Each structure stands twice: as structure tokens, then as C-alpha cells.
Amino acid sequence: MKIIEAIGIIDELKPNSYSQDRKVEWLSALDSMVQRFVFDKHQGAPETRFEKYPNDVDPNTKLLVDNHDQMYIRWLAAQIDLNQGEYVKYNNSIDMFNAEWDNFEGEYNRTHKPLTGGKGRFIY
């Protein structure tokens, strides 16, 4: 999924007044979490390390995670709800995001070896 696609979908599903730049910041925060909490903990992580999307990012840039588009949509929905003070909606949105995150993380954990950090286990 591309940045512009995620923003287009959330704007259609949940009309809001937040700028594209703000939504890119939210997507950047999510992809930073993907890098730190998932990719960095496994062998075979993408060669290019993600830090954040620059202010002038091309909106056609692909987001880090393939085949988990709903994770991005649920994340944006949660950020909109949170920033509008809609806490009941936020709780629902973040629960749906967490389910998508768990699905992504579980799939990644099953298909990529974890880093061992140089420590091994001895079995006697």
C-alpha cells in the first residue's frame, strides 16, 4: 500500500480535517514501530533501515508492510479518534488496530528467524 492510498481510504471512511502532512506523520510513527519492534528483532530485515518519512515524501511511496493494509487504516482511524477526543471510538479503533498488528507480527515471527543476540541456550 502507498501513503496516498492509505490517506485516501481513511479520508473516505472517516472524513476529517487533518492535513496530509499530519497523516504522513502518523504513518511514519507506525512504520517506525514496525522497524523497532518487529524488523530489528529478526534476521533478514529489510536492508534499508526506516527512520521516518521526510516532510517532502513522495505520496506514492510504499509503506513498509505489504499485505496488511488494514493495519494502516485502523492506525489512522485510531489517531483521528484520539486527536478528536473521541475516546470511546478511539478504544474501539485501537482494539481493531491491535488485532491487525498482532496478525502482522505473528505472521512475521513465523516466517523470519529471531536474532539471538549472541546468547545461546544449553540443553543438558
Protein backbone atom coordinates (compact mmCIF):
# COMPACT_ATOMS: atom_id res chain seq x y z
CA MET A 1 0.00 0.00 0.00
CA LYS A 2 1.18 3.50 -0.79
CA ILE A 3 0.96 6.51 1.51
CA ILE A 4 -1.57 8.23 -0.76
CA GLU A 5 -3.75 5.12 -0.85
CA ALA A 6 -3.91 4.83 2.94
CA ILE A 7 -4.78 8.50 3.28
CA GLY A 8 -7.38 8.30 0.52
CA ILE A 9 -9.11 5.34 2.15
CA ILE A 10 -9.19 6.86 5.64
CA ASP A 11 -10.47 10.17 4.28
CA GLU A 12 -13.31 8.33 2.56
CA LEU A 13 -14.16 6.12 5.56
CA LYS A 14 -13.67 8.71 8.29
CA PRO A 15 -13.94 12.26 6.93
CA ASN A 16 -11.64 14.57 8.89
CA SER A 17 -9.90 17.91 8.74
CA TYR A 18 -6.35 16.69 9.41
CA SER A 19 -3.76 17.59 6.80
CA GLN A 20 -1.99 15.07 4.63
CA ASP A 21 1.25 16.05 6.40
CA ARG A 22 -0.24 15.10 9.79
CA LYS A 23 -1.41 11.73 8.45
CA VAL A 24 2.05 11.11 6.98
CA GLU A 25 3.50 11.80 10.46
CA TRP A 26 1.13 9.19 11.93
CA LEU A 27 2.08 6.67 9.24
CA SER A 28 5.72 7.44 9.88
CA ALA A 29 5.25 6.74 13.60
CA LEU A 30 3.68 3.37 12.79
CA ASP A 31 6.41 2.37 10.35
CA SER A 32 8.99 3.40 12.97
CA MET A 33 7.34 0.98 15.41
CA VAL A 34 7.38 -1.74 12.74
CA GLN A 35 11.10 -1.17 12.27
CA ARG A 36 11.97 -1.09 16.00
CA PHE A 37 9.66 -3.75 17.41
CA VAL A 38 9.48 -6.24 14.55
CA PHE A 39 12.11 -5.88 11.81
CA ASP A 40 15.03 -5.06 14.13
CA LYS A 41 14.36 -8.21 16.17
CA HIS A 42 14.68 -10.63 13.24
CA GLN A 43 17.19 -11.90 10.75
CA GLY A 44 16.57 -10.93 7.15
CA ALA A 45 15.14 -7.50 7.95
CA PRO A 46 14.92 -5.06 5.05
CA GLU A 47 18.35 -3.74 4.09
CA THR A 48 17.25 -0.11 4.23
CA ARG A 49 16.61 0.97 7.80
CA PHE A 50 13.49 3.10 8.22
CA GLU A 51 13.79 6.24 10.33
CA LYS A 52 10.87 8.45 9.28
CA TYR A 53 9.22 9.84 6.20
CA PRO A 54 10.69 13.23 5.27
CA ASN A 55 8.44 16.28 5.05
CA ASP A 56 8.58 16.20 1.25
CA VAL A 57 7.99 12.44 0.89
CA ASP A 58 6.52 11.29 -2.41
CA PRO A 59 2.93 10.28 -1.62
CA ASN A 60 3.39 7.28 -3.92
CA THR A 61 5.97 5.83 -1.52
CA LYS A 62 5.15 2.29 -0.41
CA LEU A 63 4.56 1.74 3.29
CA LEU A 64 6.83 -0.81 4.99
CA VAL A 65 4.39 -3.67 5.46
CA ASP A 66 2.91 -5.48 2.48
CA ASN A 67 -0.37 -7.39 2.61
CA HIS A 68 -1.54 -5.80 5.87
CA ASP A 69 -3.24 -2.71 4.52
CA GLN A 70 -5.93 -2.72 7.21
CA MET A 71 -3.27 -2.23 9.87
CA TYR A 72 -2.52 1.20 8.40
CA ILE A 73 -6.18 2.13 8.01
CA ARG A 74 -7.00 1.10 11.59
CA TRP A 75 -3.97 3.06 12.87
CA LEU A 76 -5.06 6.23 11.08
CA ALA A 77 -8.62 5.81 12.35
CA ALA A 78 -7.34 5.47 15.92
CA GLN A 79 -5.17 8.58 15.59
CA ILE A 80 -8.08 10.62 14.27
CA ASP A 81 -10.36 9.44 17.09
CA LEU A 82 -7.71 10.11 19.74
CA ASN A 83 -6.93 13.59 18.50
CA GLN A 84 -10.62 14.50 18.31
CA GLY A 85 -11.15 13.42 21.90
CA GLU A 86 -13.49 10.61 20.84
CA TYR A 87 -12.21 8.18 23.45
CA VAL A 88 -14.89 5.50 23.10
CA LYS A 89 -14.31 5.44 19.34
CA TYR A 90 -10.56 5.50 19.95
CA ASN A 91 -10.77 2.45 22.21
CA ASN A 92 -12.65 0.57 19.50
CA SER A 93 -10.27 1.74 16.77
CA ILE A 94 -7.12 0.90 18.71
CA ASP A 95 -8.52 -2.54 19.56
CA MET A 96 -9.07 -3.17 15.85
CA PHE A 97 -5.56 -1.86 15.11
CA ASN A 98 -4.07 -4.13 17.79
CA ALA A 99 -5.75 -7.14 16.18
CA GLU A 100 -4.24 -6.20 12.81
CA TRP A 101 -0.82 -5.59 14.44
CA ASP A 102 -0.96 -8.98 16.17
CA ASN A 103 -1.82 -10.63 12.86
CA PHE A 104 1.12 -8.93 11.11
CA GLU A 105 3.58 -9.54 13.95
CA GLY A 106 2.56 -13.18 14.30
CA GLU A 107 2.99 -13.80 10.59
CA TYR A 108 6.38 -12.08 10.60
CA ASN A 109 7.51 -14.06 13.64
CA ARG A 110 6.53 -17.32 11.93
CA THR A 111 8.37 -16.52 8.70
CA HIS A 112 11.58 -14.84 9.99
CA LYS A 113 14.19 -16.14 12.41
CA PRO A 114 14.69 -14.04 15.53
CA LEU A 115 18.06 -12.51 16.32
CA THR A 116 19.78 -14.41 19.10
CA GLY A 117 21.93 -11.54 20.34
CA GLY A 118 24.87 -13.90 20.68
CA LYS A 119 23.29 -15.83 23.51
CA GLY A 120 22.58 -19.49 23.16
CA ARG A 121 20.65 -21.98 25.21
CA PHE A 122 22.29 -25.07 26.53
CA ILE A 123 20.25 -28.17 26.96
CA TYR A 124 21.59 -30.72 29.42
